[in-house]
Amino acid sequence: MSVSSSRKITQILGAELGKLVTLPLIWLALMWTFILNLVLAAAFTSVGLQGAAGTQSVLNIGLASMGYLQAGFIILGILATCSEYTGGQIRTTLTTIPWRGFQLSTKHLALAIITIPAAFIIATSGVLYTFFMMRDTAVVNEIDTMIQTLVGATGYLTLTTLLSAAIGALLRRTTPALVVLLGYYFIVSPLTRVFLPSIKNYLNYFPDTAGYYMYMPPSSDEINVLTPMQGTGFSMLWTLIFITVAIVFYRKRDA
């Protein structure tokens, strides 16, 4: 029984991976995200080269594009779950794999398998570009700090992708999901910090701000901020909540 179950899990995971890797939009999203990151890294590095030598960190400049980079991974997560609804392929999927909760969970696992190496490569590319361009003028962080920060950045981008996939599964349409998530990350959250400073500390526990502390250590003049581990914990909690809600609705709704 256990051998049969393990084989079934492997087959379903392989099927979900196969669907993702053969979806051209997935690779287009990753390719353009990689290109955008290099362009932004070049721009931030150029600005950094014009600043005061020795006062800037390679990591801070190399990861300055993260605020924009997350858009590509939001799109990636939405495409992963919404693409099957576009042409009605979801009916075939549910006919082949009737265990809805298990199928959606496996899809998120397959998405994580693809996202983790892609996020690490993309995040690292920006830091490496900055390092090679500014190694003589900027503060070069210790290797342990660089690895820890890049792992945190990879984790944040992966959790953002999985959360976006869960929102995509809830809304089942690409455009509404994009509007909701991009609107929150790039409009609602930044404007709330500016115009409602009284609740700024509470925003530290929301997925975008908590995720920030996964890879960028807080400044000494900040108060009520999270440690990298706390940021990771809150980001994971938000992601698991949305995945759980998505699975509940996925099991109860028609295809």
Protein backbone atom coordinates (compact mmCIF):
# COMPACT_ATOMS: atom_id res chain seq x y z
CA MET A 1 0.00 0.00 0.00
CA SER A 2 2.78 2.44 0.93
CA VAL A 3 4.68 1.61 -2.26
CA SER A 4 1.54 2.20 -4.32
CA SER A 5 0.84 5.49 -2.53
CA SER A 6 4.41 6.68 -2.99
CA ARG A 7 4.27 5.82 -6.67
CA LYS A 8 0.98 7.68 -7.02
CA ILE A 9 2.40 10.76 -5.30
CA THR A 10 5.47 10.65 -7.55
CA GLN A 11 3.31 10.31 -10.66
CA ILE A 12 1.06 13.24 -9.69
CA LEU A 13 4.05 15.41 -8.81
CA GLY A 14 5.67 14.49 -12.11
CA ALA A 15 2.47 15.36 -13.97
CA GLU A 16 2.24 18.77 -12.27
CA LEU A 17 5.91 19.46 -12.97
CA GLY A 18 5.40 18.41 -16.57
CA LYS A 19 2.52 20.84 -17.00
CA LEU A 20 4.51 23.72 -15.56
CA VAL A 21 7.74 23.14 -17.49
CA THR A 22 5.86 22.78 -20.78
CA LEU A 23 3.92 26.02 -20.28
CA PRO A 24 5.65 28.69 -22.40
CA LEU A 25 4.30 31.54 -20.27
CA ILE A 26 6.19 30.19 -17.26
CA TRP A 27 9.52 30.45 -19.04
CA LEU A 28 8.65 33.80 -20.55
CA ALA A 29 7.85 35.17 -17.09
CA LEU A 30 11.15 33.87 -15.71
CA MET A 31 13.15 35.12 -18.70
CA TRP A 32 11.75 38.64 -18.57
CA THR A 33 12.15 38.72 -14.79
CA PHE A 34 15.81 37.78 -15.18
CA ILE A 35 16.35 40.46 -17.84
CA LEU A 36 14.50 43.09 -15.79
CA ASN A 37 16.61 42.26 -12.76
CA LEU A 38 19.86 42.73 -14.67
CA VAL A 39 18.64 46.03 -16.13
CA LEU A 40 17.64 47.30 -12.70
CA ALA A 41 20.86 46.02 -11.15
CA ALA A 42 22.83 47.93 -13.78
CA ALA A 43 20.81 51.07 -13.08
CA PHE A 44 21.21 50.88 -9.29
CA THR A 45 24.88 50.04 -9.65
CA SER A 46 25.40 53.03 -11.93
CA VAL A 47 23.79 55.25 -9.32
CA GLY A 48 25.91 53.64 -6.63
CA LEU A 49 29.11 54.28 -8.57
CA GLN A 50 28.28 57.97 -8.51
CA GLY A 51 27.87 57.97 -4.73
CA ALA A 52 30.43 58.14 -1.99
CA ALA A 53 32.98 55.32 -2.24
CA GLY A 54 33.17 52.84 0.62
CA THR A 55 29.84 53.77 2.20
CA GLN A 56 27.58 51.45 0.23
CA SER A 57 27.00 47.74 0.62
CA VAL A 58 27.14 45.40 -2.37
CA LEU A 59 24.14 43.51 -0.98
CA ASN A 60 22.03 46.63 -0.48
CA ILE A 61 22.65 47.78 -4.04
CA GLY A 62 22.46 44.31 -5.59
CA LEU A 63 19.11 43.60 -3.95
CA ALA A 64 17.65 47.08 -4.46
CA SER A 65 15.64 45.68 -7.37
CA MET A 66 13.76 43.19 -5.16
CA GLY A 67 10.79 45.52 -4.81
CA TYR A 68 10.30 45.36 -8.57
CA LEU A 69 11.57 41.82 -9.02
CA GLN A 70 8.72 40.39 -6.96
CA ALA A 71 6.26 41.39 -9.70
CA GLY A 72 7.69 38.70 -11.98
CA PHE A 73 7.22 36.03 -9.33
CA ILE A 74 3.69 37.23 -8.58
CA ILE A 75 2.92 36.77 -12.27
CA LEU A 76 4.62 33.36 -12.22
CA GLY A 77 2.45 32.12 -9.36
CA ILE A 78 -0.77 33.39 -10.92
CA LEU A 79 0.04 31.82 -14.29
CA ALA A 80 0.76 28.47 -12.63
CA THR A 81 -2.77 28.12 -11.26
CA CYS A 82 -4.87 30.24 -13.61
CA SER A 83 -3.53 28.89 -16.91
CA GLU A 84 -5.57 25.69 -16.68
CA TYR A 85 -8.83 27.62 -16.46
CA THR A 86 -8.20 29.58 -19.66
CA GLY A 87 -8.85 26.73 -22.06
CA GLY A 88 -10.80 24.48 -19.73
CA GLN A 89 -7.88 22.08 -19.14
CA ILE A 90 -8.81 22.03 -15.47
CA ARG A 91 -11.62 19.57 -16.25
CA THR A 92 -9.14 17.11 -17.71
CA THR A 93 -6.88 17.54 -14.70
CA LEU A 94 -9.70 16.85 -12.23
CA THR A 95 -10.89 13.87 -14.24
CA THR A 96 -7.40 12.39 -14.13
CA ILE A 97 -6.69 13.43 -10.52
CA PRO A 98 -10.02 13.57 -8.63
CA TRP A 99 -8.38 14.27 -5.24
CA ARG A 100 -8.68 18.05 -5.46
CA GLY A 101 -6.95 19.05 -2.28
CA PHE A 102 -4.05 16.75 -2.95
CA GLN A 103 -3.78 17.88 -6.56
CA LEU A 104 -3.61 21.59 -5.66
CA SER A 105 -1.12 20.92 -2.87
CA THR A 106 1.07 18.99 -5.31
CA LYS A 107 0.85 21.83 -7.81
CA HIS A 108 2.21 24.22 -5.19
CA LEU A 109 5.01 21.77 -4.41
CA ALA A 110 5.88 21.50 -8.11
CA LEU A 111 5.84 25.28 -8.38
CA ALA A 112 8.21 25.56 -5.42
CA ILE A 113 10.60 23.07 -7.05
CA ILE A 114 10.77 25.31 -10.12
CA THR A 115 10.78 28.62 -8.27
CA ILE A 116 13.53 27.99 -5.72
CA PRO A 117 16.44 27.59 -8.17
CA ALA A 118 15.05 30.29 -10.47
CA ALA A 119 14.69 32.77 -7.59
CA PHE A 120 18.20 32.01 -6.32
CA ILE A 121 19.76 32.46 -9.77
CA ILE A 122 17.92 35.70 -10.47
CA ALA A 123 18.60 37.22 -7.04
CA THR A 124 22.25 36.16 -7.18
CA SER A 125 22.74 37.59 -10.67
CA GLY A 126 21.98 41.11 -9.47
CA VAL A 127 24.34 40.82 -6.50
CA LEU A 128 27.13 39.36 -8.65
CA TYR A 129 26.76 42.12 -11.21
CA THR A 130 27.03 44.74 -8.49
CA PHE A 131 30.00 42.95 -6.91
CA PHE A 132 32.01 42.85 -10.14
CA MET A 133 31.21 46.47 -10.95
CA MET A 134 31.73 47.91 -7.45
CA ARG A 135 34.19 45.57 -5.72
CA ASP A 136 36.75 48.37 -5.45
CA THR A 137 34.38 51.11 -4.30
CA ALA A 138 31.63 49.51 -2.22
CA VAL A 139 31.63 47.62 1.07
CA VAL A 140 31.87 43.90 0.29
CA ASN A 141 29.90 41.83 2.77
CA GLU A 142 31.25 38.68 4.35
CA ILE A 143 30.50 35.48 2.45
CA ASP A 144 28.32 34.11 5.28
CA THR A 145 26.23 37.26 5.26
CA MET A 146 25.88 37.16 1.49
CA ILE A 147 24.76 33.52 1.50
CA GLN A 148 22.29 34.10 4.33
CA THR A 149 20.86 37.15 2.58
CA LEU A 150 20.54 35.39 -0.79
CA VAL A 151 18.83 32.42 0.87
CA GLY A 152 16.41 34.86 2.51
CA ALA A 153 15.74 36.59 -0.80
CA THR A 154 15.15 33.22 -2.46
CA GLY A 155 12.76 32.22 0.31
CA TYR A 156 10.84 35.48 0.04
CA LEU A 157 10.42 35.21 -3.73
CA THR A 158 9.37 31.57 -3.41
CA LEU A 159 6.78 32.31 -0.71
CA THR A 160 5.49 35.26 -2.76
CA THR A 161 5.08 32.93 -5.75
CA LEU A 162 3.20 30.31 -3.72
CA LEU A 163 0.95 32.93 -2.13
CA SER A 164 0.19 34.34 -5.58
CA ALA A 165 -0.60 30.85 -6.84
CA ALA A 166 -3.08 30.42 -3.98
CA ILE A 167 -4.76 33.74 -4.84
CA GLY A 168 -4.86 32.63 -8.47
CA ALA A 169 -6.55 29.38 -7.44
CA LEU A 170 -9.12 31.35 -5.43
CA LEU A 171 -9.96 33.83 -8.19
CA ARG A 172 -9.39 31.41 -11.10
CA ARG A 173 -8.84 34.28 -13.55
CA THR A 174 -5.50 35.83 -14.43
CA THR A 175 -6.52 39.48 -14.76
CA PRO A 176 -8.43 39.83 -11.45
CA ALA A 177 -5.62 38.04 -9.62
CA LEU A 178 -3.02 40.36 -11.14
CA VAL A 179 -5.07 43.43 -10.25
CA VAL A 180 -5.51 42.32 -6.64
CA LEU A 181 -1.91 41.31 -5.98
CA LEU A 182 -0.06 43.96 -7.97
CA GLY A 183 -2.48 46.56 -6.60
CA TYR A 184 -1.71 45.50 -3.04
CA TYR A 185 2.08 45.15 -3.40
CA PHE A 186 2.69 48.27 -5.48
CA ILE A 187 -0.14 50.66 -4.59
CA VAL A 188 -2.09 49.87 -1.43
CA SER A 189 0.80 48.83 0.81
CA PRO A 190 3.21 51.68 -0.13
CA LEU A 191 0.48 54.35 0.06
CA THR A 192 -0.71 53.03 3.41
CA ARG A 193 2.78 53.46 4.86
CA VAL A 194 2.92 57.05 3.61
CA PHE A 195 -0.57 58.30 4.43
CA LEU A 196 -1.35 56.17 7.49
CA PRO A 197 1.86 56.17 9.52
CA SER A 198 -0.09 55.38 12.68
CA ILE A 199 -0.56 51.78 11.52
CA LYS A 200 2.90 51.42 9.97
CA ASN A 201 4.06 49.05 12.71
CA TYR A 202 1.14 46.72 12.07
CA LEU A 203 2.14 46.45 8.42
CA ASN A 204 5.34 44.71 9.53
CA TYR A 205 3.26 41.56 9.97
CA PHE A 206 1.84 41.59 6.44
CA PRO A 207 3.44 39.33 3.81
CA ASP A 208 5.27 41.97 1.78
CA THR A 209 6.84 43.82 4.73
CA ALA A 210 7.52 40.70 6.78
CA GLY A 211 9.19 39.21 3.73
CA TYR A 212 11.44 42.26 3.45
CA TYR A 213 13.07 41.33 6.76
CA MET A 214 13.86 37.86 5.45
CA TYR A 215 16.68 39.22 3.32
CA MET A 216 17.34 42.82 4.39
CA PRO A 217 18.48 43.36 8.00
CA PRO A 218 16.65 46.27 9.68
CA SER A 219 18.47 49.55 10.17
CA SER A 220 19.59 50.52 13.64
CA ASP A 221 17.20 53.48 13.74
CA GLU A 222 14.10 51.35 13.10
CA ILE A 223 11.85 50.22 15.93
CA ASN A 224 9.35 47.39 16.26
CA VAL A 225 10.87 45.53 13.31
CA LEU A 226 11.18 41.80 12.75
CA THR A 227 14.22 39.58 12.76
CA PRO A 228 14.88 37.49 9.64
CA MET A 229 13.45 34.41 11.39
CA GLN A 230 10.33 36.31 12.47
CA GLY A 231 9.89 37.68 8.98
CA THR A 232 10.18 34.16 7.60
CA GLY A 233 7.65 32.88 10.11
CA PHE A 234 5.01 35.50 9.30
CA SER A 235 5.57 35.12 5.54
CA MET A 236 5.17 31.35 5.79
CA LEU A 237 2.06 31.77 7.94
CA TRP A 238 0.38 34.05 5.36
CA THR A 239 1.30 31.67 2.57
CA LEU A 240 -0.04 28.61 4.39
CA ILE A 241 -3.27 30.44 5.28
CA PHE A 242 -3.97 31.38 1.66
CA ILE A 243 -3.03 27.92 0.38
CA THR A 244 -5.36 26.33 2.94
CA VAL A 245 -8.23 28.67 2.01
CA ALA A 246 -7.59 27.98 -1.68
CA ILE A 247 -7.73 24.22 -1.09
CA VAL A 248 -10.99 24.51 0.88
CA PHE A 249 -12.68 26.52 -1.88
CA TYR A 250 -11.12 24.33 -4.58
CA ARG A 251 -12.70 21.22 -3.07
CA LYS A 252 -16.15 22.79 -2.78
CA ARG A 253 -16.51 24.56 -6.13
CA ASP A 254 -17.30 23.26 -9.59
CA ALA A 255 -14.44 23.17 -12.09
